[in-house]
Amino acid sequence: MTSTLRVVFVLGIVGAAVVASGAPPATGRALRVQGNQFVDPAGKPIVFRGVAIGDPDKLAKAGHWDERIFAEIRAWGANVVRVPVHPVAWRARGAKAYLALLDGGVTWAREAGLYVMVDWHVIGNLRTELMQDPMYDTTRKETYEFWRTVASHYRDDPSVVLYELFNEPTEYDGTLGRLTWAQWKPILEEIVGIVRANDPSSIVVVAGLDWAYELRDVLASPVDAPAVAYASHPYPQKREEPWEEKWEADWGHVAARYPVFVTELGYDRNGSVPVVGTNHYGRALVSYMEKRRMSWAAWCFDPDWGPTLIRDWSFTPTEQGLLWKAALLRQPLPPE
């Protein structure tokens, strides 16, 4: 999802161990991909559960880029924070200034005991270089240079362990040109190669098609690289009930072989953004993800970018915020 358009659920929580207390290791990366799980050095499975924040550029301009956000996210029970970087903000500040801004957030995340996912927050078709909105305008060259710069800067950083290469690939009903998995996969492999040359120990997260929802072709034709996780954004408008069988066919089946990280999810009963839904949907999705030990990050820990998790900068939870907070804290979920 994003600031102006669409933007990112839990029942009894079972299974894999969670990094839930203490700061990440002081030096070197301790986490890696093994089979279909993220694991620690001992091979113990790790499930990431967290939230996304607003673009640091947006937060800094509004006077809210500070350690309070990260401390509160940790108090909600999260172990990871997803940090979206919009191309328009990256260009406006320039790489050096933006990285300095981002470094502050990484420091605060480390102090709070949170891992960091850096997300190149673009919606559109990188093959044709047509994007859904001017804020996402980018090119393949800029995307490659962004990841070369970021991966080199955070090489072996113990907190910045996840790179989400492209937020939401989409044809937008053909208006942005064609984009099949066969066309998207080699572009992803190019980016992965650049990232790995600059930061070999990183974990990359790659999105499927249809605004990062659909992963149907992955098992037949996976990204040709190690330590790859796959992302889905299963917002409620994607499918009608019954959900579980459709989620399984569209994207969830990938978790049998590779890590799946639901990097956006969320809902808004009031329909103030194009993402609708209720606690019924949230509870169903949490149950589904937890049974399969999938990682997830809810959208968005910002009162302006919907569907929002907080109402204000006092961090008052919204309806969905209450559900995701309970899920993060491993508490009973709000009723439907």
C-alpha atoms as a PDB file:
ATOM      1  CA  MET A   1       0.000   0.000   0.000  1.00  0.00           C
ATOM      2  CA  THR A   2       1.015   3.514   0.175  1.00  0.00           C
ATOM      3  CA  SER A   3       0.331   7.031   1.221  1.00  0.00           C
ATOM      4  CA  THR A   4      -2.468   7.822  -1.180  1.00  0.00           C
ATOM      5  CA  LEU A   5      -3.708   4.617  -2.749  1.00  0.00           C
ATOM      6  CA  ARG A   6      -3.744   1.175  -1.226  1.00  0.00           C
ATOM      7  CA  VAL A   7      -1.416   0.225   1.433  1.00  0.00           C
ATOM      8  CA  VAL A   8      -1.229  -3.882   5.044  1.00  0.00           C
ATOM      9  CA  PHE A   9      -3.467  -9.537  10.296  1.00  0.00           C
ATOM     10  CA  VAL A  10      -4.159 -13.372  13.919  1.00  0.00           C
ATOM     11  CA  LEU A  11      -5.702 -15.945  16.195  1.00  0.00           C
ATOM     12  CA  GLY A  12      -3.896 -18.445  18.329  1.00  0.00           C
ATOM     13  CA  ILE A  13      -0.226 -18.221  17.400  1.00  0.00           C
ATOM     14  CA  VAL A  14       1.695 -21.425  17.090  1.00  0.00           C
ATOM     15  CA  GLY A  15       4.895 -22.939  15.921  1.00  0.00           C
ATOM     16  CA  ALA A  16       8.222 -21.327  15.243  1.00  0.00           C
ATOM     17  CA  ALA A  17      10.331 -19.403  17.653  1.00  0.00           C
ATOM     18  CA  VAL A  18      10.249 -15.621  17.472  1.00  0.00           C
ATOM     19  CA  VAL A  19      12.968 -13.058  18.050  1.00  0.00           C
ATOM     20  CA  ALA A  20      10.976 -11.256  20.723  1.00  0.00           C
ATOM     21  CA  SER A  21      13.401 -10.019  23.321  1.00  0.00           C
ATOM     22  CA  GLY A  22      16.808  -8.449  23.387  1.00  0.00           C
ATOM     23  CA  ALA A  23      18.597  -6.549  20.664  1.00  0.00           C
ATOM     24  CA  PRO A  24      19.895  -8.118  17.463  1.00  0.00           C
ATOM     25  CA  PRO A  25      23.512  -9.319  17.559  1.00  0.00           C
ATOM     26  CA  ALA A  26      26.121  -6.584  17.857  1.00  0.00           C
ATOM     27  CA  THR A  27      28.273  -7.682  14.934  1.00  0.00           C
ATOM     28  CA  GLY A  28      27.678  -9.706  11.819  1.00  0.00           C
ATOM     29  CA  ARG A  29      24.427 -11.173  10.574  1.00  0.00           C
ATOM     30  CA  ALA A  30      23.061 -14.068  12.572  1.00  0.00           C
ATOM     31  CA  LEU A  31      20.027 -14.885  10.428  1.00  0.00           C
ATOM     32  CA  ARG A  32      19.795 -16.818   7.182  1.00  0.00           C
ATOM     33  CA  VAL A  33      17.417 -18.793   4.999  1.00  0.00           C
ATOM     34  CA  GLN A  34      17.242 -22.548   5.425  1.00  0.00           C
ATOM     35  CA  GLY A  35      14.673 -24.339   3.338  1.00  0.00           C
ATOM     36  CA  ASN A  36      11.354 -22.566   3.800  1.00  0.00           C
ATOM     37  CA  GLN A  37      12.288 -20.780   7.045  1.00  0.00           C
ATOM     38  CA  PHE A  38      14.367 -17.944   8.377  1.00  0.00           C
ATOM     39  CA  VAL A  39      16.718 -19.411  10.986  1.00  0.00           C
ATOM     40  CA  ASP A  40      19.277 -18.325  13.583  1.00  0.00           C
ATOM     41  CA  PRO A  41      22.876 -19.661  13.703  1.00  0.00           C
ATOM     42  CA  ALA A  42      21.694 -22.783  15.523  1.00  0.00           C
ATOM     43  CA  GLY A  43      19.131 -23.485  12.805  1.00  0.00           C
ATOM     44  CA  LYS A  44      16.200 -22.502  15.026  1.00  0.00           C
ATOM     45  CA  PRO A  45      13.278 -21.071  13.000  1.00  0.00           C
ATOM     46  CA  ILE A  46      12.532 -17.367  13.281  1.00  0.00           C
ATOM     47  CA  VAL A  47       9.219 -15.748  12.383  1.00  0.00           C
ATOM     48  CA  PHE A  48       9.279 -12.026  11.724  1.00  0.00           C
ATOM     49  CA  ARG A  49       6.215 -10.145  12.937  1.00  0.00           C
ATOM     50  CA  GLY A  50       6.046  -6.390  12.768  1.00  0.00           C
ATOM     51  CA  VAL A  51       4.747  -3.255  11.115  1.00  0.00           C
ATOM     52  CA  ALA A  52       5.597  -0.812   8.365  1.00  0.00           C
ATOM     53  CA  ILE A  53       6.219   2.862   9.072  1.00  0.00           C
ATOM     54  CA  GLY A  54       5.948   5.909   6.830  1.00  0.00           C
ATOM     55  CA  ASP A  55       8.772   6.947   4.548  1.00  0.00           C
ATOM     56  CA  PRO A  56      11.526   8.460   6.753  1.00  0.00           C
ATOM     57  CA  ASP A  57      11.538  11.516   4.492  1.00  0.00           C
ATOM     58  CA  LYS A  58       7.840  12.105   5.189  1.00  0.00           C
ATOM     59  CA  LEU A  59       8.280  11.527   8.916  1.00  0.00           C
ATOM     60  CA  ALA A  60      11.297  13.841   9.140  1.00  0.00           C
ATOM     61  CA  LYS A  61       9.476  16.649   7.363  1.00  0.00           C
ATOM     62  CA  ALA A  62       6.574  16.295   9.806  1.00  0.00           C
ATOM     63  CA  GLY A  63       8.864  16.242  12.862  1.00  0.00           C
ATOM     64  CA  HIS A  64       8.156  12.623  13.786  1.00  0.00           C
ATOM     65  CA  TRP A  65      11.386  10.883  12.785  1.00  0.00           C
ATOM     66  CA  ASP A  66      12.669   9.900  16.216  1.00  0.00           C
ATOM     67  CA  GLU A  67      13.266   6.983  18.555  1.00  0.00           C
ATOM     68  CA  ARG A  68       9.734   7.139  20.006  1.00  0.00           C
ATOM     69  CA  ILE A  69       8.310   5.337  16.977  1.00  0.00           C
ATOM     70  CA  PHE A  70      10.715   2.418  17.269  1.00  0.00           C
ATOM     71  CA  ALA A  71      10.322   2.111  21.036  1.00  0.00           C
ATOM     72  CA  GLU A  72       6.536   2.025  20.659  1.00  0.00           C
ATOM     73  CA  ILE A  73       6.678  -0.548  17.860  1.00  0.00           C
ATOM     74  CA  ARG A  74       8.800  -2.742  20.123  1.00  0.00           C
ATOM     75  CA  ALA A  75       6.306  -2.211  22.956  1.00  0.00           C
ATOM     76  CA  TRP A  76       3.604  -3.539  20.632  1.00  0.00           C
ATOM     77  CA  GLY A  77       5.578  -6.797  20.485  1.00  0.00           C
ATOM     78  CA  ALA A  78       7.144  -6.464  17.030  1.00  0.00           C
ATOM     79  CA  ASN A  79      10.557  -7.838  16.136  1.00  0.00           C
ATOM     80  CA  VAL A  80      10.881  -6.182  12.703  1.00  0.00           C
ATOM     81  CA  VAL A  81      10.092  -2.814  11.147  1.00  0.00           C
ATOM     82  CA  ARG A  82       9.558  -2.338   7.423  1.00  0.00           C
ATOM     83  CA  VAL A  83      10.935   0.984   6.165  1.00  0.00           C
ATOM     84  CA  PRO A  84       9.576   2.159   2.785  1.00  0.00           C
ATOM     85  CA  VAL A  85      11.731   4.379   0.584  1.00  0.00           C
ATOM     86  CA  HIS A  86       9.921   6.199  -2.226  1.00  0.00           C
ATOM     87  CA  PRO A  87      11.955   7.010  -5.346  1.00  0.00           C
ATOM     88  CA  VAL A  88      10.790  10.621  -5.324  1.00  0.00           C
ATOM     89  CA  ALA A  89      12.106  11.090  -1.768  1.00  0.00           C
ATOM     90  CA  TRP A  90      15.359   9.257  -2.529  1.00  0.00           C
ATOM     91  CA  ARG A  91      16.061  11.582  -5.483  1.00  0.00           C
ATOM     92  CA  ALA A  92      15.008  14.741  -3.673  1.00  0.00           C
ATOM     93  CA  ARG A  93      17.363  14.205  -0.728  1.00  0.00           C
ATOM     94  CA  GLY A  94      20.099  12.469  -2.646  1.00  0.00           C
ATOM     95  CA  ALA A  95      21.667   9.167  -1.663  1.00  0.00           C
ATOM     96  CA  LYS A  96      24.096  10.543   0.927  1.00  0.00           C
ATOM     97  CA  ALA A  97      21.502  12.592   2.805  1.00  0.00           C
ATOM     98  CA  TYR A  98      18.856   9.891   2.621  1.00  0.00           C
ATOM     99  CA  LEU A  99      21.220   7.235   3.941  1.00  0.00           C
ATOM    100  CA  ALA A 100      22.111   9.536   6.845  1.00  0.00           C
ATOM    101  CA  LEU A 101      18.390   9.818   7.589  1.00  0.00           C
ATOM    102  CA  LEU A 102      17.938   6.076   7.333  1.00  0.00           C
ATOM    103  CA  ASP A 103      20.964   5.422   9.543  1.00  0.00           C
ATOM    104  CA  GLY A 104      19.210   7.223  12.382  1.00  0.00           C
ATOM    105  CA  GLY A 105      16.248   4.876  12.092  1.00  0.00           C
ATOM    106  CA  VAL A 106      18.504   1.821  11.964  1.00  0.00           C
ATOM    107  CA  THR A 107      20.214   2.982  15.159  1.00  0.00           C
ATOM    108  CA  TRP A 108      16.879   3.479  16.926  1.00  0.00           C
ATOM    109  CA  ALA A 109      15.646   0.100  15.672  1.00  0.00           C
ATOM    110  CA  ARG A 110      18.786  -1.605  16.968  1.00  0.00           C
ATOM    111  CA  GLU A 111      18.428   0.086  20.350  1.00  0.00           C
ATOM    112  CA  ALA A 112      14.793  -1.090  20.513  1.00  0.00           C
ATOM    113  CA  GLY A 113      15.708  -4.668  19.556  1.00  0.00           C
ATOM    114  CA  LEU A 114      14.125  -4.556  16.094  1.00  0.00           C
ATOM    115  CA  TYR A 115      15.344  -5.939  12.818  1.00  0.00           C
ATOM    116  CA  VAL A 116      14.961  -3.734   9.729  1.00  0.00           C
ATOM    117  CA  MET A 117      13.567  -4.419   6.267  1.00  0.00           C
ATOM    118  CA  VAL A 118      14.401  -1.773   3.671  1.00  0.00           C
ATOM    119  CA  ASP A 119      11.663  -1.566   1.027  1.00  0.00           C
ATOM    120  CA  TRP A 120      12.045   0.135  -2.386  1.00  0.00           C
ATOM    121  CA  HIS A 121       8.488   1.409  -2.288  1.00  0.00           C
ATOM    122  CA  VAL A 122       7.433   1.414  -5.916  1.00  0.00           C
ATOM    123  CA  ILE A 123       4.119   0.495  -7.521  1.00  0.00           C
ATOM    124  CA  GLY A 124       4.198  -0.177 -11.243  1.00  0.00           C
ATOM    125  CA  ASN A 125       5.845  -2.050 -14.086  1.00  0.00           C
ATOM    126  CA  LEU A 126       9.635  -1.939 -14.014  1.00  0.00           C
ATOM    127  CA  ARG A 127       9.814  -3.674 -17.390  1.00  0.00           C
ATOM    128  CA  THR A 128       8.085  -0.766 -19.179  1.00  0.00           C
ATOM    129  CA  GLU A 129       9.170   1.779 -16.528  1.00  0.00           C
ATOM    130  CA  LEU A 130       5.567   2.980 -16.246  1.00  0.00           C
ATOM    131  CA  MET A 131       4.440   3.558 -12.657  1.00  0.00           C
ATOM    132  CA  GLN A 132       1.059   3.948 -11.003  1.00  0.00           C
ATOM    133  CA  ASP A 133       1.718   7.444  -9.671  1.00  0.00           C
ATOM    134  CA  PRO A 134       4.501  10.046 -10.048  1.00  0.00           C
ATOM    135  CA  MET A 135       5.702   9.391  -6.500  1.00  0.00           C
ATOM    136  CA  TYR A 136       6.782   5.930  -7.685  1.00  0.00           C
ATOM    137  CA  ASP A 137       8.447   6.992 -10.924  1.00  0.00           C
ATOM    138  CA  THR A 138      11.716   5.161 -11.347  1.00  0.00           C
ATOM    139  CA  THR A 139      13.783   3.323 -13.943  1.00  0.00           C
ATOM    140  CA  ARG A 140      15.633   0.037 -13.985  1.00  0.00           C
ATOM    141  CA  LYS A 141      18.906   1.963 -13.802  1.00  0.00           C
ATOM    142  CA  GLU A 142      17.811   3.937 -10.747  1.00  0.00           C
ATOM    143  CA  THR A 143      16.502   0.770  -9.098  1.00  0.00           C
ATOM    144  CA  TYR A 144      19.782  -1.038  -9.728  1.00  0.00           C
ATOM    145  CA  GLU A 145      21.766   1.929  -8.417  1.00  0.00           C
ATOM    146  CA  PHE A 146      19.542   2.204  -5.335  1.00  0.00           C
ATOM    147  CA  TRP A 147      20.200  -1.404  -4.391  1.00  0.00           C
ATOM    148  CA  ARG A 148      23.906  -1.206  -5.173  1.00  0.00           C
ATOM    149  CA  THR A 149      24.145   1.821  -2.859  1.00  0.00           C
ATOM    150  CA  VAL A 150      21.958   0.465  -0.047  1.00  0.00           C
ATOM    151  CA  ALA A 151      23.439  -3.036  -0.092  1.00  0.00           C
ATOM    152  CA  SER A 152      26.978  -1.701  -0.014  1.00  0.00           C
ATOM    153  CA  HIS A 153      26.116   0.734   2.777  1.00  0.00           C
ATOM    154  CA  TYR A 154      24.485  -1.915   4.992  1.00  0.00           C
ATOM    155  CA  ARG A 155      26.771  -4.816   4.102  1.00  0.00           C
ATOM    156  CA  ASP A 156      26.719  -7.356   6.958  1.00  0.00           C
ATOM    157  CA  ASP A 157      24.742  -4.967   9.174  1.00  0.00           C
ATOM    158  CA  PRO A 158      23.305  -7.059  12.029  1.00  0.00           C
ATOM    159  CA  SER A 159      20.009  -5.145  12.074  1.00  0.00           C
ATOM    160  CA  VAL A 160      19.348  -4.465   8.379  1.00  0.00           C
ATOM    161  CA  VAL A 161      18.818  -8.074   7.366  1.00  0.00           C
ATOM    162  CA  LEU A 162      16.018  -7.883   4.784  1.00  0.00           C
ATOM    163  CA  TYR A 163      15.850  -6.106   1.441  1.00  0.00           C
ATOM    164  CA  GLU A 164      12.427  -5.935  -0.253  1.00  0.00           C
ATOM    165  CA  LEU A 165      13.440  -5.315  -3.847  1.00  0.00           C
ATOM    166  CA  PHE A 166      10.228  -3.815  -5.276  1.00  0.00           C
ATOM    167  CA  ASN A 167       7.031  -3.097  -3.379  1.00  0.00           C
ATOM    168  CA  GLU A 168       4.168  -3.872  -5.787  1.00  0.00           C
ATOM    169  CA  PRO A 169       4.682  -4.963  -9.391  1.00  0.00           C
ATOM    170  CA  THR A 170       1.553  -4.435 -11.463  1.00  0.00           C
ATOM    171  CA  GLU A 171       0.249  -4.072 -15.009  1.00  0.00           C
ATOM    172  CA  TYR A 172      -2.659  -2.030 -13.622  1.00  0.00           C
ATOM    173  CA  ASP A 173      -5.148  -3.762 -15.935  1.00  0.00           C
ATOM    174  CA  GLY A 174      -2.759  -3.390 -18.842  1.00  0.00           C
ATOM    175  CA  THR A 175      -2.439   0.377 -18.561  1.00  0.00           C
ATOM    176  CA  LEU A 176       1.228   0.057 -17.569  1.00  0.00           C
ATOM    177  CA  GLY A 177       2.074  -2.589 -20.186  1.00  0.00           C
ATOM    178  CA  ARG A 178       2.453  -6.336 -19.925  1.00  0.00           C
ATOM    179  CA  LEU A 179       4.273  -7.987 -17.033  1.00  0.00           C
ATOM    180  CA  THR A 180       4.282 -11.762 -16.773  1.00  0.00           C
ATOM    181  CA  TRP A 181       6.283 -13.785 -14.244  1.00  0.00           C
ATOM    182  CA  ALA A 182       8.559 -14.873 -17.089  1.00  0.00           C
ATOM    183  CA  GLN A 183       9.277 -11.193 -17.786  1.00  0.00           C
ATOM    184  CA  TRP A 184       9.540 -10.162 -14.127  1.00  0.00           C
ATOM    185  CA  LYS A 185      11.827 -12.984 -12.946  1.00  0.00           C
ATOM    186  CA  PRO A 186      14.955 -12.012 -14.922  1.00  0.00           C
ATOM    187  CA  ILE A 187      14.647  -8.414 -13.701  1.00  0.00           C
ATOM    188  CA  LEU A 188      14.468  -9.699 -10.134  1.00  0.00           C
ATOM    189  CA  GLU A 189      17.493 -11.915 -10.738  1.00  0.00           C
ATOM    190  CA  GLU A 190      19.424  -8.905 -12.002  1.00  0.00           C
ATOM    191  CA  ILE A 191      18.630  -6.970  -8.836  1.00  0.00           C
ATOM    192  CA  VAL A 192      19.436  -9.950  -6.618  1.00  0.00           C
ATOM    193  CA  GLY A 193      22.806 -10.285  -8.322  1.00  0.00           C
ATOM    194  CA  ILE A 194      23.624  -6.637  -7.664  1.00  0.00           C
ATOM    195  CA  VAL A 195      22.535  -6.906  -4.029  1.00  0.00           C
ATOM    196  CA  ARG A 196      24.514 -10.095  -3.434  1.00  0.00           C
ATOM    197  CA  ALA A 197      27.678  -8.703  -5.024  1.00  0.00           C
ATOM    198  CA  ASN A 198      27.525  -5.823  -2.556  1.00  0.00           C
ATOM    199  CA  ASP A 199      26.078  -7.597   0.485  1.00  0.00           C
ATOM    200  CA  PRO A 200      26.450 -11.387   0.234  1.00  0.00           C
ATOM    201  CA  SER A 201      24.848 -12.202   3.593  1.00  0.00           C
ATOM    202  CA  SER A 202      21.599 -10.302   2.992  1.00  0.00           C
ATOM    203  CA  ILE A 203      18.149 -11.863   2.663  1.00  0.00           C
ATOM    204  CA  VAL A 204      16.161 -10.594  -0.311  1.00  0.00           C
ATOM    205  CA  VAL A 205      12.369 -10.518  -0.476  1.00  0.00           C
ATOM    206  CA  VAL A 206      10.770 -10.569  -3.916  1.00  0.00           C
ATOM    207  CA  ALA A 207       7.177  -9.769  -4.799  1.00  0.00           C
ATOM    208  CA  GLY A 208       4.823 -11.536  -7.121  1.00  0.00           C
ATOM    209  CA  LEU A 209       2.427  -9.972  -9.609  1.00  0.00           C
ATOM    210  CA  ASP A 210      -0.962  -8.235  -9.212  1.00  0.00           C
ATOM    211  CA  TRP A 211       0.257  -5.626  -6.724  1.00  0.00           C
ATOM    212  CA  ALA A 212       2.478  -8.211  -5.034  1.00  0.00           C
ATOM    213  CA  TYR A 213      -0.408 -10.585  -4.382  1.00  0.00           C
ATOM    214  CA  GLU A 214       0.021 -13.542  -6.749  1.00  0.00           C
ATOM    215  CA  LEU A 215       2.831 -16.125  -6.662  1.00  0.00           C
ATOM    216  CA  ARG A 216       1.290 -18.875  -8.806  1.00  0.00           C
ATOM    217  CA  ASP A 217       4.328 -19.439 -11.068  1.00  0.00           C
ATOM    218  CA  VAL A 218       7.036 -19.396  -8.396  1.00  0.00           C
ATOM    219  CA  LEU A 219       7.357 -23.117  -7.680  1.00  0.00           C
ATOM    220  CA  ALA A 220       7.618 -23.972 -11.361  1.00  0.00           C
ATOM    221  CA  SER A 221      10.079 -21.161 -12.019  1.00  0.00           C
ATOM    222  CA  PRO A 222      11.691 -19.787  -8.821  1.00  0.00           C
ATOM    223  CA  VAL A 223      14.157 -16.929  -8.730  1.00  0.00           C
ATOM    224  CA  ASP A 224      17.561 -18.409  -9.515  1.00  0.00           C
ATOM    225  CA  ALA A 225      19.402 -17.335  -6.375  1.00  0.00           C
ATOM    226  CA  PRO A 226      19.877 -18.558  -2.799  1.00  0.00           C
ATOM    227  CA  ALA A 227      18.365 -17.007   0.347  1.00  0.00           C
ATOM    228  CA  VAL A 228      15.280 -15.643  -1.416  1.00  0.00           C
ATOM    229  CA  ALA A 229      11.957 -15.093   0.349  1.00  0.00           C
ATOM    230  CA  TYR A 230       8.699 -14.315  -1.423  1.00  0.00           C
ATOM    231  CA  ALA A 231       6.260 -11.528  -0.579  1.00  0.00           C
ATOM    232  CA  SER A 232       2.499 -11.336  -0.872  1.00  0.00           C
ATOM    233  CA  HIS A 233       0.071  -8.500  -0.079  1.00  0.00           C
ATOM    234  CA  PRO A 234      -3.236 -10.323   0.484  1.00  0.00           C
ATOM    235  CA  TYR A 235      -5.518  -7.367   1.121  1.00  0.00           C
ATOM    236  CA  PRO A 236      -9.197  -8.247   1.648  1.00  0.00           C
ATOM    237  CA  GLN A 237     -10.365  -6.928  -1.728  1.00  0.00           C
ATOM    238  CA  LYS A 238      -8.229  -9.502  -3.552  1.00  0.00           C
ATOM    239  CA  ARG A 239     -10.553 -12.452  -2.979  1.00  0.00           C
ATOM    240  CA  GLU A 240     -14.049 -13.220  -1.734  1.00  0.00           C
ATOM    241  CA  GLU A 241     -14.668 -15.785   1.005  1.00  0.00           C
ATOM    242  CA  PRO A 242     -13.885 -18.571   1.547  1.00  0.00           C
ATOM    243  CA  TRP A 243     -10.366 -17.137   1.653  1.00  0.00           C
ATOM    244  CA  GLU A 244      -8.085 -19.926   2.768  1.00  0.00           C
ATOM    245  CA  GLU A 245      -8.343 -22.167  -0.284  1.00  0.00           C
ATOM    246  CA  LYS A 246      -7.845 -19.161  -2.559  1.00  0.00           C
ATOM    247  CA  TRP A 247      -4.880 -17.839  -0.573  1.00  0.00           C
ATOM    248  CA  GLU A 248      -3.333 -21.290  -0.733  1.00  0.00           C
ATOM    249  CA  ALA A 249      -3.695 -21.494  -4.515  1.00  0.00           C
ATOM    250  CA  ASP A 250      -2.632 -17.909  -5.211  1.00  0.00           C
ATOM    251  CA  TRP A 251       0.410 -17.504  -2.956  1.00  0.00           C
ATOM    252  CA  GLY A 252       0.364 -19.555   0.252  1.00  0.00           C
ATOM    253  CA  HIS A 253       1.493 -22.831  -1.337  1.00  0.00           C
ATOM    254  CA  VAL A 254       4.937 -21.274  -1.893  1.00  0.00           C
ATOM    255  CA  ALA A 255       5.560 -21.517   1.868  1.00  0.00           C
ATOM    256  CA  ALA A 256       5.985 -25.284   1.513  1.00  0.00           C
ATOM    257  CA  ARG A 257       9.330 -24.677  -0.187  1.00  0.00           C
ATOM    258  CA  TYR A 258      10.438 -21.075   0.445  1.00  0.00           C
ATOM    259  CA  PRO A 259       9.996 -18.484   3.189  1.00  0.00           C
ATOM    260  CA  VAL A 260       6.910 -16.351   2.625  1.00  0.00           C
ATOM    261  CA  PHE A 261       6.829 -12.879   4.160  1.00  0.00           C
ATOM    262  CA  VAL A 262       3.469 -11.080   3.978  1.00  0.00           C
ATOM    263  CA  THR A 263       5.073  -7.656   3.801  1.00  0.00           C
ATOM    264  CA  GLU A 264       1.767  -5.758   3.713  1.00  0.00           C
ATOM    265  CA  LEU A 265      -1.647  -6.487   5.116  1.00  0.00           C
ATOM    266  CA  GLY A 266      -4.420  -4.498   6.686  1.00  0.00           C
ATOM    267  CA  TYR A 267      -8.028  -3.383   6.479  1.00  0.00           C
ATOM    268  CA  ASP A 268     -10.317  -0.419   7.111  1.00  0.00           C
ATOM    269  CA  ARG A 269     -13.937  -0.997   8.080  1.00  0.00           C
ATOM    270  CA  ASN A 270     -14.845   2.618   7.288  1.00  0.00           C
ATOM    271  CA  GLY A 271     -13.572   2.445   3.751  1.00  0.00           C
ATOM    272  CA  SER A 272     -11.590   5.684   4.039  1.00  0.00           C
ATOM    273  CA  VAL A 273      -9.022   4.097   1.723  1.00  0.00           C
ATOM    274  CA  PRO A 274      -9.631   1.571  -1.062  1.00  0.00           C
ATOM    275  CA  VAL A 275      -8.866  -1.273   1.366  1.00  0.00           C
ATOM    276  CA  VAL A 276     -11.919  -2.450   3.292  1.00  0.00           C
ATOM    277  CA  GLY A 277     -12.464  -5.316   5.709  1.00  0.00           C
ATOM    278  CA  THR A 278     -13.153  -6.193   9.320  1.00  0.00           C
ATOM    279  CA  ASN A 279     -11.706  -8.107  12.260  1.00  0.00           C
ATOM    280  CA  HIS A 280     -13.222 -11.225  10.691  1.00  0.00           C
ATOM    281  CA  TYR A 281     -10.783 -10.898   7.803  1.00  0.00           C
ATOM    282  CA  GLY A 282      -7.875 -10.046  10.110  1.00  0.00           C
ATOM    283  CA  ARG A 283      -8.470 -13.053  12.349  1.00  0.00           C
ATOM    284  CA  ALA A 284      -8.728 -15.371   9.352  1.00  0.00           C
ATOM    285  CA  LEU A 285      -5.475 -14.145   7.863  1.00  0.00           C
ATOM    286  CA  VAL A 286      -3.584 -14.353  11.141  1.00  0.00           C
ATOM    287  CA  SER A 287      -4.729 -17.900  11.647  1.00  0.00           C
ATOM    288  CA  TYR A 288      -3.701 -18.828   8.116  1.00  0.00           C
ATOM    289  CA  MET A 289      -0.239 -17.246   8.373  1.00  0.00           C
ATOM    290  CA  GLU A 290       0.541 -18.614  11.808  1.00  0.00           C
ATOM    291  CA  LYS A 291      -0.362 -22.189  10.885  1.00  0.00           C
ATOM    292  CA  ARG A 292       2.185 -21.925   8.079  1.00  0.00           C
ATOM    293  CA  ARG A 293       4.793 -20.024  10.130  1.00  0.00           C
ATOM    294  CA  MET A 294       4.776 -17.098   7.722  1.00  0.00           C
ATOM    295  CA  SER A 295       6.332 -13.764   8.610  1.00  0.00           C
ATOM    296  CA  TRP A 296       4.282 -10.576   8.299  1.00  0.00           C
ATOM    297  CA  ALA A 297       4.275  -6.795   8.659  1.00  0.00           C
ATOM    298  CA  ALA A 298       1.065  -4.802   9.033  1.00  0.00           C
ATOM    299  CA  TRP A 299       0.508  -1.478   7.264  1.00  0.00           C
ATOM    300  CA  CYS A 300       0.857   1.242   8.488  1.00  0.00           C
ATOM    301  CA  PHE A 301       2.246   2.628  11.766  1.00  0.00           C
ATOM    302  CA  ASP A 302       1.395   6.162  10.687  1.00  0.00           C
ATOM    303  CA  PRO A 303      -1.859   8.105  11.221  1.00  0.00           C
ATOM    304  CA  ASP A 304      -1.814   9.484   7.673  1.00  0.00           C
ATOM    305  CA  TRP A 305      -1.130   6.476   5.463  1.00  0.00           C
ATOM    306  CA  GLY A 306      -4.028   4.075   5.363  1.00  0.00           C
ATOM    307  CA  PRO A 307      -5.078   1.604   6.351  1.00  0.00           C
ATOM    308  CA  THR A 308      -3.610   3.088   9.509  1.00  0.00           C
ATOM    309  CA  LEU A 309      -2.594   1.252  12.670  1.00  0.00           C
ATOM    310  CA  ILE A 310      -2.577   4.388  14.826  1.00  0.00           C
ATOM    311  CA  ARG A 311      -4.923   7.379  15.047  1.00  0.00           C
ATOM    312  CA  ASP A 312      -2.403   9.940  16.211  1.00  0.00           C
ATOM    313  CA  TRP A 313       1.184  10.460  17.338  1.00  0.00           C
ATOM    314  CA  SER A 314       0.185   9.416  20.834  1.00  0.00           C
ATOM    315  CA  PHE A 315       0.016   5.966  19.160  1.00  0.00           C
ATOM    316  CA  THR A 316      -3.683   5.385  19.861  1.00  0.00           C
ATOM    317  CA  PRO A 317      -4.528   2.148  17.990  1.00  0.00           C
ATOM    318  CA  THR A 318      -7.200   2.073  15.305  1.00  0.00           C
ATOM    319  CA  GLU A 319      -9.586  -0.881  15.066  1.00  0.00           C
ATOM    320  CA  GLN A 320      -7.121  -2.876  12.982  1.00  0.00           C
ATOM    321  CA  GLY A 321      -4.290  -1.543  15.138  1.00  0.00           C
ATOM    322  CA  LEU A 322      -5.865  -3.221  18.176  1.00  0.00           C
ATOM    323  CA  LEU A 323      -5.987  -6.533  16.320  1.00  0.00           C
ATOM    324  CA  TRP A 324      -2.438  -6.406  15.040  1.00  0.00           C
ATOM    325  CA  LYS A 325      -1.119  -5.226  18.381  1.00  0.00           C
ATOM    326  CA  ALA A 326      -2.803  -8.186  20.075  1.00  0.00           C
ATOM    327  CA  ALA A 327      -1.325 -10.503  17.460  1.00  0.00           C
ATOM    328  CA  LEU A 328       2.160  -9.099  17.997  1.00  0.00           C
ATOM    329  CA  LEU A 329       1.840  -9.449  21.765  1.00  0.00           C
ATOM    330  CA  ARG A 330       0.468 -12.979  21.389  1.00  0.00           C
ATOM    331  CA  GLN A 331      -2.745 -11.989  23.127  1.00  0.00           C
ATOM    332  CA  PRO A 332      -6.358 -12.971  22.325  1.00  0.00           C
ATOM    333  CA  LEU A 333      -7.601 -11.131  19.258  1.00  0.00           C
ATOM    334  CA  PRO A 334     -10.519  -8.696  19.335  1.00  0.00           C
ATOM    335  CA  PRO A 335     -13.888 -10.234  18.462  1.00  0.00           C
ATOM    336  CA  GLU A 336     -15.278 -10.137  14.962  1.00  0.00           C
END
